[in-house]
Amino acid sequence: MSERDRERWNARYAEGAYGERSHPAVLLASWADAAPRGRALDVACGAGRNALYLAECGFAVDGVDISSEALARAAQRAEAAGLAINWHEHDLDQPLPAGPPYELITLIRYADTALVSSLLEQLAPGGVLVVEAHLGGELFTAAVGGPGSERFRLAPGELAAACESLEVLHSCEAQITDPDDRLMALAQFVGRRPLAS
C-alpha cells in the first residue's frame, strides 16, 4: 500500500468509520471452533472486532493492519475488555515477518489473493484459514454494499483457486445479508492445512 492509502485509512478511522461494528464476522464465528486452540492471526484487523473475539475464544492473537488509528482503537477495546492482544502496524503489500505458525488465520473483507497465498505458509499443520472478500462479477450489482470498484473485489473462483492446497471446509460465492442488514456480494473460504505425513 502507498503512504496515501495509509493516510486514507487513518482518516477514515479517525472520523469514526466502522465504530458501530463490534460483532465478529459471521463466517469467523461459525468456523473458529474448527481450529485447534493456539495462536491466531487476524490480518487487516481494522479496529479489532475479530481479534477481540478470537482472544475471548482462548486464542493467543496477533492483529495486523496498516492503520495506526484503527490499531489504537483496537488496543483501547482490548484493554477495556481485559484482553491481551499483540497489535502490529504493517503494510500488507510487504511480506509479514516470519515467526511460529498459527493455528488460525483470518482475513476478512480484504481482496488480495497474493496475500492469501503467502498466509498459507504461516498456517500450522491442521490449522484453519478463514477468508471472506468482496466479490466482483455478476453478483456485484448496484444493490450490494462495499467497494464500488471491481479493483477491490475478487473475480469469481479466484479465492478458491488461491486456497487449492487446503482441505475445503466451506467455500461459497453469494449475495449475503450482513447482521446490520446490508446486502453484500462475498467470496468465502474456510480450509484446513493437511497434517504433515
N, C-alpha and C. Protein backbone atom coordinates (compact mmCIF):
# COMPACT_ATOMS: atom_id res chain seq x y z
N MET A 1 0.84 -1.18 0.00
CA MET A 1 0.00 0.00 0.00
C MET A 1 0.88 1.25 0.00
N SER A 2 0.37 2.31 -0.54
CA SER A 2 1.13 3.56 -0.56
C SER A 2 0.90 4.32 0.74
N GLU A 3 1.73 5.33 0.95
CA GLU A 3 1.54 6.20 2.11
C GLU A 3 0.19 6.89 2.03
N ARG A 4 -0.25 7.14 0.80
CA ARG A 4 -1.57 7.75 0.62
C ARG A 4 -2.67 6.83 1.12
N ASP A 5 -2.53 5.53 0.87
CA ASP A 5 -3.51 4.56 1.37
C ASP A 5 -3.53 4.57 2.90
N ARG A 6 -2.34 4.59 3.50
CA ARG A 6 -2.25 4.62 4.96
C ARG A 6 -2.97 5.86 5.51
N GLU A 7 -2.71 7.00 4.90
CA GLU A 7 -3.34 8.24 5.35
C GLU A 7 -4.86 8.19 5.17
N ARG A 8 -5.31 7.59 4.07
CA ARG A 8 -6.75 7.49 3.82
C ARG A 8 -7.43 6.63 4.88
N TRP A 9 -6.82 5.48 5.21
CA TRP A 9 -7.42 4.61 6.22
C TRP A 9 -7.34 5.26 7.60
N ASN A 10 -6.25 5.92 7.90
CA ASN A 10 -6.16 6.61 9.19
C ASN A 10 -7.24 7.67 9.31
N ALA A 11 -7.49 8.41 8.24
CA ALA A 11 -8.53 9.44 8.26
C ALA A 11 -9.91 8.82 8.46
N ARG A 12 -10.16 7.71 7.79
CA ARG A 12 -11.48 7.07 7.95
C ARG A 12 -11.71 6.61 9.38
N TYR A 13 -10.69 5.98 9.97
CA TYR A 13 -10.85 5.51 11.35
C TYR A 13 -10.91 6.68 12.33
N ALA A 14 -10.16 7.75 12.08
CA ALA A 14 -10.20 8.92 12.95
C ALA A 14 -11.59 9.57 12.93
N GLU A 15 -12.27 9.45 11.80
CA GLU A 15 -13.62 10.00 11.67
C GLU A 15 -14.69 9.08 12.24
N GLY A 16 -14.27 7.90 12.76
CA GLY A 16 -15.23 7.00 13.41
C GLY A 16 -15.75 5.88 12.53
N ALA A 17 -15.13 5.65 11.37
CA ALA A 17 -15.60 4.59 10.48
C ALA A 17 -15.62 3.25 11.21
N TYR A 18 -16.64 2.48 10.94
CA TYR A 18 -16.83 1.13 11.48
C TYR A 18 -16.98 1.11 13.01
N GLY A 19 -17.24 2.26 13.61
CA GLY A 19 -17.37 2.34 15.06
C GLY A 19 -18.50 1.50 15.61
N GLU A 20 -19.53 1.31 14.82
CA GLU A 20 -20.70 0.54 15.28
C GLU A 20 -20.51 -0.96 15.13
N ARG A 21 -19.46 -1.38 14.48
CA ARG A 21 -19.26 -2.81 14.21
C ARG A 21 -18.38 -3.44 15.28
N SER A 22 -19.03 -4.03 16.25
CA SER A 22 -18.27 -4.70 17.31
C SER A 22 -18.44 -6.22 17.26
N HIS A 23 -19.43 -6.70 16.49
CA HIS A 23 -19.65 -8.15 16.38
C HIS A 23 -18.59 -8.76 15.46
N PRO A 24 -18.20 -10.00 15.73
CA PRO A 24 -17.24 -10.66 14.82
C PRO A 24 -17.92 -10.98 13.50
N ALA A 25 -17.10 -11.21 12.50
CA ALA A 25 -17.64 -11.65 11.20
C ALA A 25 -18.38 -12.97 11.41
N VAL A 26 -19.54 -13.08 10.80
CA VAL A 26 -20.37 -14.28 10.96
C VAL A 26 -19.60 -15.53 10.52
N LEU A 27 -18.86 -15.43 9.43
CA LEU A 27 -18.10 -16.57 8.93
C LEU A 27 -17.08 -17.03 9.97
N LEU A 28 -16.37 -16.09 10.57
CA LEU A 28 -15.38 -16.44 11.57
C LEU A 28 -16.03 -17.07 12.79
N ALA A 29 -17.11 -16.48 13.27
CA ALA A 29 -17.79 -17.02 14.45
C ALA A 29 -18.32 -18.43 14.18
N SER A 30 -18.68 -18.70 12.94
CA SER A 30 -19.22 -20.01 12.58
C SER A 30 -18.14 -21.09 12.51
N TRP A 31 -16.89 -20.69 12.26
CA TRP A 31 -15.84 -21.68 11.99
C TRP A 31 -14.65 -21.64 12.95
N ALA A 32 -14.63 -20.73 13.90
CA ALA A 32 -13.48 -20.63 14.82
C ALA A 32 -13.25 -21.93 15.58
N ASP A 33 -14.32 -22.63 15.91
CA ASP A 33 -14.17 -23.87 16.67
C ASP A 33 -13.56 -25.00 15.84
N ALA A 34 -13.45 -24.83 14.54
CA ALA A 34 -12.83 -25.87 13.70
C ALA A 34 -11.31 -25.88 13.84
N ALA A 35 -10.77 -24.79 14.40
CA ALA A 35 -9.31 -24.68 14.55
C ALA A 35 -8.88 -25.12 15.94
N PRO A 36 -7.74 -25.81 16.04
CA PRO A 36 -7.21 -26.12 17.37
C PRO A 36 -6.81 -24.83 18.07
N ARG A 37 -7.01 -24.77 19.38
CA ARG A 37 -6.63 -23.57 20.13
C ARG A 37 -5.12 -23.43 20.10
N GLY A 38 -4.67 -22.20 20.04
CA GLY A 38 -3.26 -21.89 19.96
C GLY A 38 -3.11 -20.45 19.52
N ARG A 39 -2.25 -20.22 18.52
CA ARG A 39 -2.00 -18.88 18.03
C ARG A 39 -2.96 -18.55 16.90
N ALA A 40 -3.43 -17.28 16.88
CA ALA A 40 -4.31 -16.82 15.81
C ALA A 40 -3.78 -15.50 15.26
N LEU A 41 -3.93 -15.33 13.96
CA LEU A 41 -3.50 -14.12 13.27
C LEU A 41 -4.71 -13.51 12.56
N ASP A 42 -5.01 -12.26 12.89
CA ASP A 42 -6.09 -11.52 12.23
C ASP A 42 -5.44 -10.47 11.34
N VAL A 43 -5.49 -10.70 10.03
CA VAL A 43 -4.84 -9.84 9.05
C VAL A 43 -5.84 -8.81 8.53
N ALA A 44 -5.39 -7.55 8.38
CA ALA A 44 -6.28 -6.44 8.04
C ALA A 44 -7.35 -6.34 9.13
N CYS A 45 -6.88 -6.29 10.37
CA CYS A 45 -7.78 -6.42 11.52
C CYS A 45 -8.60 -5.17 11.80
N GLY A 46 -8.24 -4.03 11.21
CA GLY A 46 -9.00 -2.82 11.46
C GLY A 46 -9.07 -2.50 12.93
N ALA A 47 -10.27 -2.18 13.42
CA ALA A 47 -10.47 -1.80 14.82
C ALA A 47 -10.55 -2.99 15.76
N GLY A 48 -10.31 -4.19 15.25
CA GLY A 48 -10.07 -5.33 16.11
C GLY A 48 -11.24 -6.21 16.50
N ARG A 49 -12.40 -6.06 15.85
CA ARG A 49 -13.57 -6.83 16.29
C ARG A 49 -13.33 -8.33 16.22
N ASN A 50 -12.65 -8.81 15.19
CA ASN A 50 -12.41 -10.25 15.07
C ASN A 50 -11.28 -10.72 15.97
N ALA A 51 -10.26 -9.90 16.14
CA ALA A 51 -9.16 -10.24 17.04
C ALA A 51 -9.67 -10.35 18.48
N LEU A 52 -10.53 -9.43 18.89
CA LEU A 52 -11.08 -9.49 20.24
C LEU A 52 -11.90 -10.76 20.43
N TYR A 53 -12.69 -11.10 19.42
CA TYR A 53 -13.49 -12.32 19.51
C TYR A 53 -12.59 -13.55 19.67
N LEU A 54 -11.52 -13.62 18.89
CA LEU A 54 -10.62 -14.77 18.98
C LEU A 54 -9.93 -14.84 20.33
N ALA A 55 -9.56 -13.69 20.89
CA ALA A 55 -8.96 -13.69 22.22
C ALA A 55 -9.96 -14.18 23.26
N GLU A 56 -11.21 -13.78 23.11
CA GLU A 56 -12.26 -14.25 24.03
C GLU A 56 -12.45 -15.76 23.91
N CYS A 57 -12.17 -16.30 22.73
CA CYS A 57 -12.29 -17.75 22.50
C CYS A 57 -11.08 -18.53 23.01
N GLY A 58 -10.07 -17.84 23.49
CA GLY A 58 -8.92 -18.52 24.07
C GLY A 58 -7.68 -18.59 23.19
N PHE A 59 -7.69 -17.92 22.05
CA PHE A 59 -6.51 -17.89 21.19
C PHE A 59 -5.52 -16.82 21.69
N ALA A 60 -4.24 -17.03 21.43
CA ALA A 60 -3.22 -16.00 21.60
C ALA A 60 -3.15 -15.26 20.27
N VAL A 61 -3.54 -13.99 20.25
CA VAL A 61 -3.87 -13.30 19.00
C VAL A 61 -2.85 -12.22 18.64
N ASP A 62 -2.49 -12.21 17.35
CA ASP A 62 -1.77 -11.10 16.74
C ASP A 62 -2.72 -10.44 15.75
N GLY A 63 -2.85 -9.12 15.84
CA GLY A 63 -3.66 -8.36 14.89
C GLY A 63 -2.77 -7.46 14.07
N VAL A 64 -2.97 -7.44 12.76
CA VAL A 64 -2.11 -6.68 11.84
C VAL A 64 -2.97 -5.76 10.97
N ASP A 65 -2.56 -4.50 10.86
CA ASP A 65 -3.26 -3.56 10.00
C ASP A 65 -2.31 -2.43 9.63
N ILE A 66 -2.63 -1.72 8.54
CA ILE A 66 -1.81 -0.59 8.12
C ILE A 66 -2.15 0.68 8.88
N SER A 67 -3.34 0.74 9.47
CA SER A 67 -3.82 1.97 10.08
C SER A 67 -3.49 2.05 11.58
N SER A 68 -2.67 3.02 11.94
CA SER A 68 -2.36 3.23 13.36
C SER A 68 -3.59 3.69 14.12
N GLU A 69 -4.47 4.43 13.46
CA GLU A 69 -5.73 4.87 14.10
C GLU A 69 -6.61 3.67 14.44
N ALA A 70 -6.72 2.74 13.51
CA ALA A 70 -7.53 1.55 13.76
C ALA A 70 -6.93 0.73 14.90
N LEU A 71 -5.62 0.57 14.89
CA LEU A 71 -4.96 -0.22 15.92
C LEU A 71 -5.06 0.43 17.29
N ALA A 72 -5.03 1.76 17.34
CA ALA A 72 -5.20 2.46 18.62
C ALA A 72 -6.60 2.20 19.18
N ARG A 73 -7.60 2.23 18.32
CA ARG A 73 -8.97 1.93 18.76
C ARG A 73 -9.08 0.48 19.21
N ALA A 74 -8.44 -0.43 18.45
CA ALA A 74 -8.46 -1.84 18.82
C ALA A 74 -7.81 -2.07 20.18
N ALA A 75 -6.68 -1.41 20.41
CA ALA A 75 -5.97 -1.57 21.68
C ALA A 75 -6.82 -1.06 22.85
N GLN A 76 -7.55 0.03 22.64
CA GLN A 76 -8.43 0.54 23.69
C GLN A 76 -9.53 -0.46 24.00
N ARG A 77 -10.10 -1.05 22.97
CA ARG A 77 -11.16 -2.04 23.18
C ARG A 77 -10.63 -3.27 23.91
N ALA A 78 -9.44 -3.70 23.54
CA ALA A 78 -8.85 -4.87 24.18
C ALA A 78 -8.57 -4.59 25.66
N GLU A 79 -8.02 -3.41 25.94
CA GLU A 79 -7.72 -3.06 27.33
C GLU A 79 -9.00 -2.99 28.16
N ALA A 80 -10.05 -2.39 27.60
CA ALA A 80 -11.32 -2.29 28.31
C ALA A 80 -11.92 -3.66 28.60
N ALA A 81 -11.66 -4.62 27.71
CA ALA A 81 -12.19 -5.97 27.88
C ALA A 81 -11.25 -6.88 28.67
N GLY A 82 -10.09 -6.36 29.04
CA GLY A 82 -9.12 -7.17 29.78
C GLY A 82 -8.48 -8.26 28.95
N LEU A 83 -8.30 -7.99 27.65
CA LEU A 83 -7.74 -8.98 26.74
C LEU A 83 -6.34 -8.57 26.29
N ALA A 84 -5.42 -9.52 26.28
CA ALA A 84 -4.05 -9.27 25.84
C ALA A 84 -3.92 -9.68 24.37
N ILE A 85 -3.72 -8.71 23.50
CA ILE A 85 -3.58 -8.95 22.06
C ILE A 85 -2.36 -8.18 21.58
N ASN A 86 -1.58 -8.78 20.70
CA ASN A 86 -0.42 -8.11 20.12
C ASN A 86 -0.86 -7.40 18.83
N TRP A 87 -0.71 -6.09 18.80
CA TRP A 87 -1.11 -5.30 17.63
C TRP A 87 0.13 -4.89 16.85
N HIS A 88 0.07 -5.02 15.51
CA HIS A 88 1.23 -4.72 14.67
C HIS A 88 0.79 -3.83 13.50
N GLU A 89 1.41 -2.67 13.37
CA GLU A 89 1.18 -1.82 12.20
C GLU A 89 2.08 -2.32 11.08
N HIS A 90 1.47 -2.65 9.94
CA HIS A 90 2.24 -3.27 8.87
C HIS A 90 1.55 -3.03 7.53
N ASP A 91 2.34 -2.71 6.53
CA ASP A 91 1.87 -2.56 5.15
C ASP A 91 1.67 -3.96 4.57
N LEU A 92 0.46 -4.30 4.22
CA LEU A 92 0.16 -5.67 3.77
C LEU A 92 0.65 -5.96 2.35
N ASP A 93 1.19 -4.96 1.69
CA ASP A 93 1.86 -5.22 0.41
C ASP A 93 3.27 -5.77 0.64
N GLN A 94 3.73 -5.70 1.88
CA GLN A 94 5.05 -6.23 2.23
C GLN A 94 4.87 -7.57 2.95
N PRO A 95 5.85 -8.49 2.81
CA PRO A 95 5.72 -9.80 3.48
C PRO A 95 5.60 -9.62 4.99
N LEU A 96 4.77 -10.46 5.59
CA LEU A 96 4.66 -10.46 7.04
C LEU A 96 5.92 -11.07 7.65
N PRO A 97 6.33 -10.60 8.81
CA PRO A 97 7.53 -11.17 9.45
C PRO A 97 7.34 -12.66 9.71
N ALA A 98 8.42 -13.42 9.55
CA ALA A 98 8.36 -14.86 9.83
C ALA A 98 8.28 -15.08 11.33
N GLY A 99 7.64 -16.16 11.71
CA GLY A 99 7.52 -16.49 13.12
C GLY A 99 6.90 -17.87 13.26
N PRO A 100 6.59 -18.27 14.48
CA PRO A 100 5.94 -19.57 14.68
C PRO A 100 4.62 -19.62 13.92
N PRO A 101 4.21 -20.81 13.47
CA PRO A 101 2.97 -20.91 12.70
C PRO A 101 1.73 -20.65 13.56
N TYR A 102 0.64 -20.39 12.88
CA TYR A 102 -0.64 -20.09 13.53
C TYR A 102 -1.63 -21.24 13.35
N GLU A 103 -2.41 -21.48 14.39
CA GLU A 103 -3.47 -22.48 14.30
C GLU A 103 -4.70 -21.94 13.58
N LEU A 104 -4.86 -20.62 13.57
CA LEU A 104 -5.97 -20.00 12.85
C LEU A 104 -5.48 -18.69 12.26
N ILE A 105 -5.80 -18.46 11.00
CA ILE A 105 -5.52 -17.18 10.34
C ILE A 105 -6.81 -16.72 9.69
N THR A 106 -7.12 -15.45 9.91
CA THR A 106 -8.33 -14.90 9.30
C THR A 106 -8.01 -13.62 8.54
N LEU A 107 -8.68 -13.46 7.41
CA LEU A 107 -8.56 -12.28 6.55
C LEU A 107 -9.98 -11.95 6.10
N ILE A 108 -10.53 -10.88 6.64
CA ILE A 108 -11.94 -10.56 6.40
C ILE A 108 -12.07 -9.25 5.62
N ARG A 109 -12.74 -9.33 4.48
CA ARG A 109 -13.08 -8.18 3.64
C ARG A 109 -11.86 -7.44 3.12
N TYR A 110 -10.83 -8.20 2.72
CA TYR A 110 -9.63 -7.62 2.12
C TYR A 110 -9.29 -8.48 0.91
N ALA A 111 -9.40 -7.92 -0.28
CA ALA A 111 -9.28 -8.70 -1.51
C ALA A 111 -7.84 -8.70 -2.03
N ASP A 112 -7.11 -9.76 -1.72
CA ASP A 112 -5.73 -9.87 -2.19
C ASP A 112 -5.32 -11.34 -2.15
N THR A 113 -5.42 -12.03 -3.29
CA THR A 113 -5.11 -13.47 -3.28
C THR A 113 -3.60 -13.73 -3.16
N ALA A 114 -2.76 -12.77 -3.54
CA ALA A 114 -1.32 -12.95 -3.31
C ALA A 114 -1.04 -12.99 -1.81
N LEU A 115 -1.73 -12.16 -1.06
CA LEU A 115 -1.60 -12.18 0.40
C LEU A 115 -2.13 -13.50 0.95
N VAL A 116 -3.26 -13.96 0.45
CA VAL A 116 -3.82 -15.24 0.90
C VAL A 116 -2.79 -16.36 0.69
N SER A 117 -2.18 -16.39 -0.49
CA SER A 117 -1.19 -17.43 -0.78
C SER A 117 -0.02 -17.38 0.19
N SER A 118 0.43 -16.16 0.55
CA SER A 118 1.54 -16.05 1.49
C SER A 118 1.14 -16.48 2.89
N LEU A 119 -0.12 -16.30 3.24
CA LEU A 119 -0.59 -16.70 4.57
C LEU A 119 -0.59 -18.22 4.75
N LEU A 120 -0.75 -18.94 3.66
CA LEU A 120 -0.74 -20.41 3.74
C LEU A 120 0.56 -20.92 4.33
N GLU A 121 1.66 -20.21 4.07
CA GLU A 121 2.97 -20.61 4.58
C GLU A 121 3.07 -20.44 6.09
N GLN A 122 2.22 -19.60 6.66
CA GLN A 122 2.27 -19.33 8.10
C GLN A 122 1.26 -20.16 8.88
N LEU A 123 0.52 -21.01 8.17
CA LEU A 123 -0.52 -21.82 8.80
C LEU A 123 0.08 -23.14 9.29
N ALA A 124 -0.17 -23.47 10.54
CA ALA A 124 0.33 -24.71 11.12
C ALA A 124 -0.37 -25.92 10.50
N PRO A 125 0.28 -27.07 10.43
CA PRO A 125 -0.41 -28.29 10.01
C PRO A 125 -1.65 -28.51 10.88
N GLY A 126 -2.78 -28.74 10.26
CA GLY A 126 -4.04 -28.87 10.99
C GLY A 126 -4.70 -27.54 11.28
N GLY A 127 -4.00 -26.43 10.95
CA GLY A 127 -4.54 -25.09 11.19
C GLY A 127 -5.60 -24.73 10.17
N VAL A 128 -6.38 -23.72 10.50
CA VAL A 128 -7.53 -23.33 9.69
C VAL A 128 -7.37 -21.89 9.19
N LEU A 129 -7.69 -21.69 7.92
CA LEU A 129 -7.70 -20.38 7.29
C LEU A 129 -9.15 -19.98 7.03
N VAL A 130 -9.52 -18.77 7.46
CA VAL A 130 -10.88 -18.24 7.25
C VAL A 130 -10.74 -16.94 6.46
N VAL A 131 -11.27 -16.93 5.24
CA VAL A 131 -11.16 -15.75 4.37
C VAL A 131 -12.53 -15.37 3.83
N GLU A 132 -12.80 -14.07 3.88
CA GLU A 132 -14.02 -13.54 3.26
C GLU A 132 -13.62 -12.26 2.54
N ALA A 133 -13.98 -12.16 1.26
CA ALA A 133 -13.61 -11.00 0.46
C ALA A 133 -14.79 -10.53 -0.37
N HIS A 134 -14.79 -9.25 -0.67
CA HIS A 134 -15.81 -8.72 -1.56
C HIS A 134 -15.63 -9.35 -2.94
N LEU A 135 -16.75 -9.70 -3.56
CA LEU A 135 -16.76 -10.44 -4.82
C LEU A 135 -17.24 -9.57 -5.97
N GLY A 136 -16.54 -9.68 -7.10
CA GLY A 136 -16.97 -9.00 -8.31
C GLY A 136 -17.80 -9.92 -9.19
N GLY A 137 -17.86 -9.61 -10.47
CA GLY A 137 -18.62 -10.45 -11.39
C GLY A 137 -20.12 -10.17 -11.33
N GLU A 138 -20.91 -11.16 -11.72
CA GLU A 138 -22.36 -10.98 -11.85
C GLU A 138 -23.05 -10.64 -10.54
N LEU A 139 -22.49 -11.08 -9.41
CA LEU A 139 -23.14 -10.82 -8.11
C LEU A 139 -22.86 -9.41 -7.59
N PHE A 140 -21.94 -8.71 -8.23
CA PHE A 140 -21.63 -7.33 -7.86
C PHE A 140 -22.59 -6.40 -8.60
N THR A 141 -23.67 -6.06 -7.92
CA THR A 141 -24.70 -5.20 -8.50
C THR A 141 -24.79 -3.90 -7.71
N ALA A 142 -25.61 -2.99 -8.20
CA ALA A 142 -25.79 -1.70 -7.52
C ALA A 142 -26.43 -1.88 -6.14
N ALA A 143 -27.05 -3.03 -5.90
CA ALA A 143 -27.74 -3.25 -4.62
C ALA A 143 -26.80 -3.63 -3.48
N VAL A 144 -25.57 -4.06 -3.80
CA VAL A 144 -24.69 -4.55 -2.75
C VAL A 144 -23.80 -3.43 -2.20
N GLY A 145 -23.42 -3.59 -0.93
CA GLY A 145 -22.53 -2.64 -0.28
C GLY A 145 -21.08 -3.00 -0.52
N GLY A 146 -20.20 -2.22 0.12
CA GLY A 146 -18.78 -2.47 -0.03
C GLY A 146 -18.17 -1.63 -1.14
N PRO A 147 -16.96 -1.98 -1.56
CA PRO A 147 -16.26 -1.19 -2.57
C PRO A 147 -17.06 -1.05 -3.86
N GLY A 148 -17.01 0.14 -4.43
CA GLY A 148 -17.75 0.38 -5.65
C GLY A 148 -16.99 0.04 -6.92
N SER A 149 -15.80 -0.48 -6.78
CA SER A 149 -14.96 -0.80 -7.93
C SER A 149 -14.55 -2.27 -7.92
N GLU A 150 -14.50 -2.86 -9.11
CA GLU A 150 -14.03 -4.25 -9.25
C GLU A 150 -12.57 -4.37 -8.80
N ARG A 151 -11.84 -3.27 -8.78
CA ARG A 151 -10.43 -3.28 -8.38
C ARG A 151 -10.25 -3.83 -6.97
N PHE A 152 -11.25 -3.60 -6.11
CA PHE A 152 -11.15 -4.03 -4.72
C PHE A 152 -12.02 -5.26 -4.44
N ARG A 153 -12.29 -6.02 -5.50
CA ARG A 153 -13.10 -7.23 -5.39
C ARG A 153 -12.41 -8.38 -6.11
N LEU A 154 -12.64 -9.59 -5.63
CA LEU A 154 -12.08 -10.77 -6.28
C LEU A 154 -12.98 -11.22 -7.42
N ALA A 155 -12.37 -11.82 -8.42
CA ALA A 155 -13.13 -12.42 -9.53
C ALA A 155 -13.73 -13.74 -9.05
N PRO A 156 -14.84 -14.15 -9.64
CA PRO A 156 -15.41 -15.45 -9.28
C PRO A 156 -14.38 -16.56 -9.44
N GLY A 157 -14.27 -17.44 -8.44
CA GLY A 157 -13.35 -18.57 -8.47
C GLY A 157 -11.95 -18.25 -8.02
N GLU A 158 -11.61 -16.97 -7.88
CA GLU A 158 -10.24 -16.57 -7.58
C GLU A 158 -9.81 -17.01 -6.18
N LEU A 159 -10.69 -16.85 -5.20
CA LEU A 159 -10.32 -17.19 -3.82
C LEU A 159 -10.12 -18.69 -3.66
N ALA A 160 -11.04 -19.49 -4.17
CA ALA A 160 -10.91 -20.94 -4.05
C ALA A 160 -9.65 -21.43 -4.74
N ALA A 161 -9.29 -20.83 -5.87
CA ALA A 161 -8.07 -21.24 -6.59
C ALA A 161 -6.83 -20.93 -5.76
N ALA A 162 -6.83 -19.81 -5.04
CA ALA A 162 -5.67 -19.44 -4.22
C ALA A 162 -5.49 -20.38 -3.03
N CYS A 163 -6.57 -21.06 -2.65
CA CYS A 163 -6.55 -21.92 -1.46
C CYS A 163 -6.61 -23.41 -1.83
N GLU A 164 -6.27 -23.75 -3.06
CA GLU A 164 -6.47 -25.12 -3.52
C GLU A 164 -5.64 -26.16 -2.78
N SER A 165 -4.59 -25.73 -2.07
CA SER A 165 -3.76 -26.69 -1.34
C SER A 165 -4.39 -27.11 -0.01
N LEU A 166 -5.46 -26.44 0.39
CA LEU A 166 -6.10 -26.73 1.67
C LEU A 166 -7.26 -27.71 1.52
N GLU A 167 -7.55 -28.42 2.59
CA GLU A 167 -8.77 -29.23 2.67
C GLU A 167 -9.95 -28.26 2.80
N VAL A 168 -10.93 -28.36 1.92
CA VAL A 168 -12.04 -27.42 1.92
C VAL A 168 -13.04 -27.77 3.02
N LEU A 169 -13.28 -26.82 3.91
CA LEU A 169 -14.32 -26.97 4.92
C LEU A 169 -15.58 -26.21 4.51
N HIS A 170 -15.39 -25.10 3.80
CA HIS A 170 -16.51 -24.27 3.36
C HIS A 170 -16.02 -23.40 2.20
N SER A 171 -16.81 -23.33 1.14
CA SER A 171 -16.50 -22.46 0.02
C SER A 171 -17.80 -21.96 -0.57
N CYS A 172 -17.91 -20.64 -0.73
CA CYS A 172 -19.19 -20.07 -1.15
C CYS A 172 -18.95 -18.74 -1.86
N GLU A 173 -19.74 -18.49 -2.89
CA GLU A 173 -19.79 -17.17 -3.53
C GLU A 173 -21.27 -16.82 -3.64
N ALA A 174 -21.68 -15.74 -2.98
CA ALA A 174 -23.11 -15.43 -2.93
C ALA A 174 -23.34 -14.00 -2.48
N GLN A 175 -24.57 -13.54 -2.67
CA GLN A 175 -25.02 -12.32 -2.03
C GLN A 175 -25.53 -12.70 -0.64
N ILE A 176 -24.99 -12.05 0.38
CA ILE A 176 -25.27 -12.38 1.77
C ILE A 176 -25.64 -11.11 2.51
N THR A 177 -26.65 -11.19 3.37
CA THR A 177 -27.05 -10.05 4.17
C THR A 177 -26.29 -10.05 5.49
N ASP A 178 -25.58 -8.96 5.74
CA ASP A 178 -24.83 -8.79 6.98
C ASP A 178 -25.77 -8.66 8.17
N PRO A 179 -25.24 -8.85 9.41
CA PRO A 179 -26.08 -8.65 10.60
C PRO A 179 -26.67 -7.24 10.69
N ASP A 180 -26.03 -6.25 10.06
CA ASP A 180 -26.58 -4.89 10.07
C ASP A 180 -27.46 -4.61 8.84
N ASP A 181 -27.95 -5.70 8.22
CA ASP A 181 -28.92 -5.65 7.12
C ASP A 181 -28.39 -5.04 5.83
N ARG A 182 -27.09 -5.09 5.61
CA ARG A 182 -26.53 -4.64 4.34
C ARG A 182 -26.30 -5.86 3.45
N LEU A 183 -26.75 -5.78 2.21
CA LEU A 183 -26.52 -6.86 1.26
C LEU A 183 -25.11 -6.76 0.71
N MET A 184 -24.38 -7.88 0.72
CA MET A 184 -23.00 -7.91 0.25
C MET A 184 -22.83 -9.04 -0.76
N ALA A 185 -21.93 -8.83 -1.72
CA ALA A 185 -21.50 -9.90 -2.62
C ALA A 185 -20.16 -10.38 -2.10
N LEU A 186 -20.11 -11.66 -1.66
CA LEU A 186 -18.93 -12.14 -0.95
C LEU A 186 -18.43 -13.47 -1.49
N ALA A 187 -17.12 -13.61 -1.47
CA ALA A 187 -16.47 -14.91 -1.66
C ALA A 187 -15.98 -15.34 -0.28
N GLN A 188 -16.31 -16.57 0.10
CA GLN A 188 -15.91 -17.10 1.40
C GLN A 188 -15.15 -18.40 1.21
N PHE A 189 -14.13 -18.59 2.04
CA PHE A 189 -13.41 -19.86 2.02
C PHE A 189 -12.91 -20.17 3.42
N VAL A 190 -13.13 -21.40 3.85
CA VAL A 190 -12.57 -21.92 5.09
C VAL A 190 -11.88 -23.22 4.73
N GLY A 191 -10.60 -23.33 5.08
CA GLY A 191 -9.86 -24.55 4.74
C GLY A 191 -8.88 -24.92 5.83
N ARG A 192 -8.52 -26.18 5.84
CA ARG A 192 -7.56 -26.70 6.83
C ARG A 192 -6.29 -27.17 6.12
N ARG A 193 -5.16 -26.78 6.67
CA ARG A 193 -3.90 -27.28 6.14
C ARG A 193 -3.74 -28.74 6.54
N PRO A 194 -3.45 -29.61 5.59
CA PRO A 194 -3.30 -31.03 5.93
C PRO A 194 -2.20 -31.25 6.97
N LEU A 195 -2.39 -32.25 7.82
CA LEU A 195 -1.38 -32.61 8.78
C LEU A 195 -0.17 -33.18 8.06
N ALA A 196 1.01 -32.92 8.58
CA ALA A 196 2.23 -33.43 7.95
C ALA A 196 2.20 -34.95 7.98
N SER A 197 2.62 -35.58 6.91
CA SER A 197 2.60 -37.06 6.85
C SER A 197 3.90 -37.63 7.37
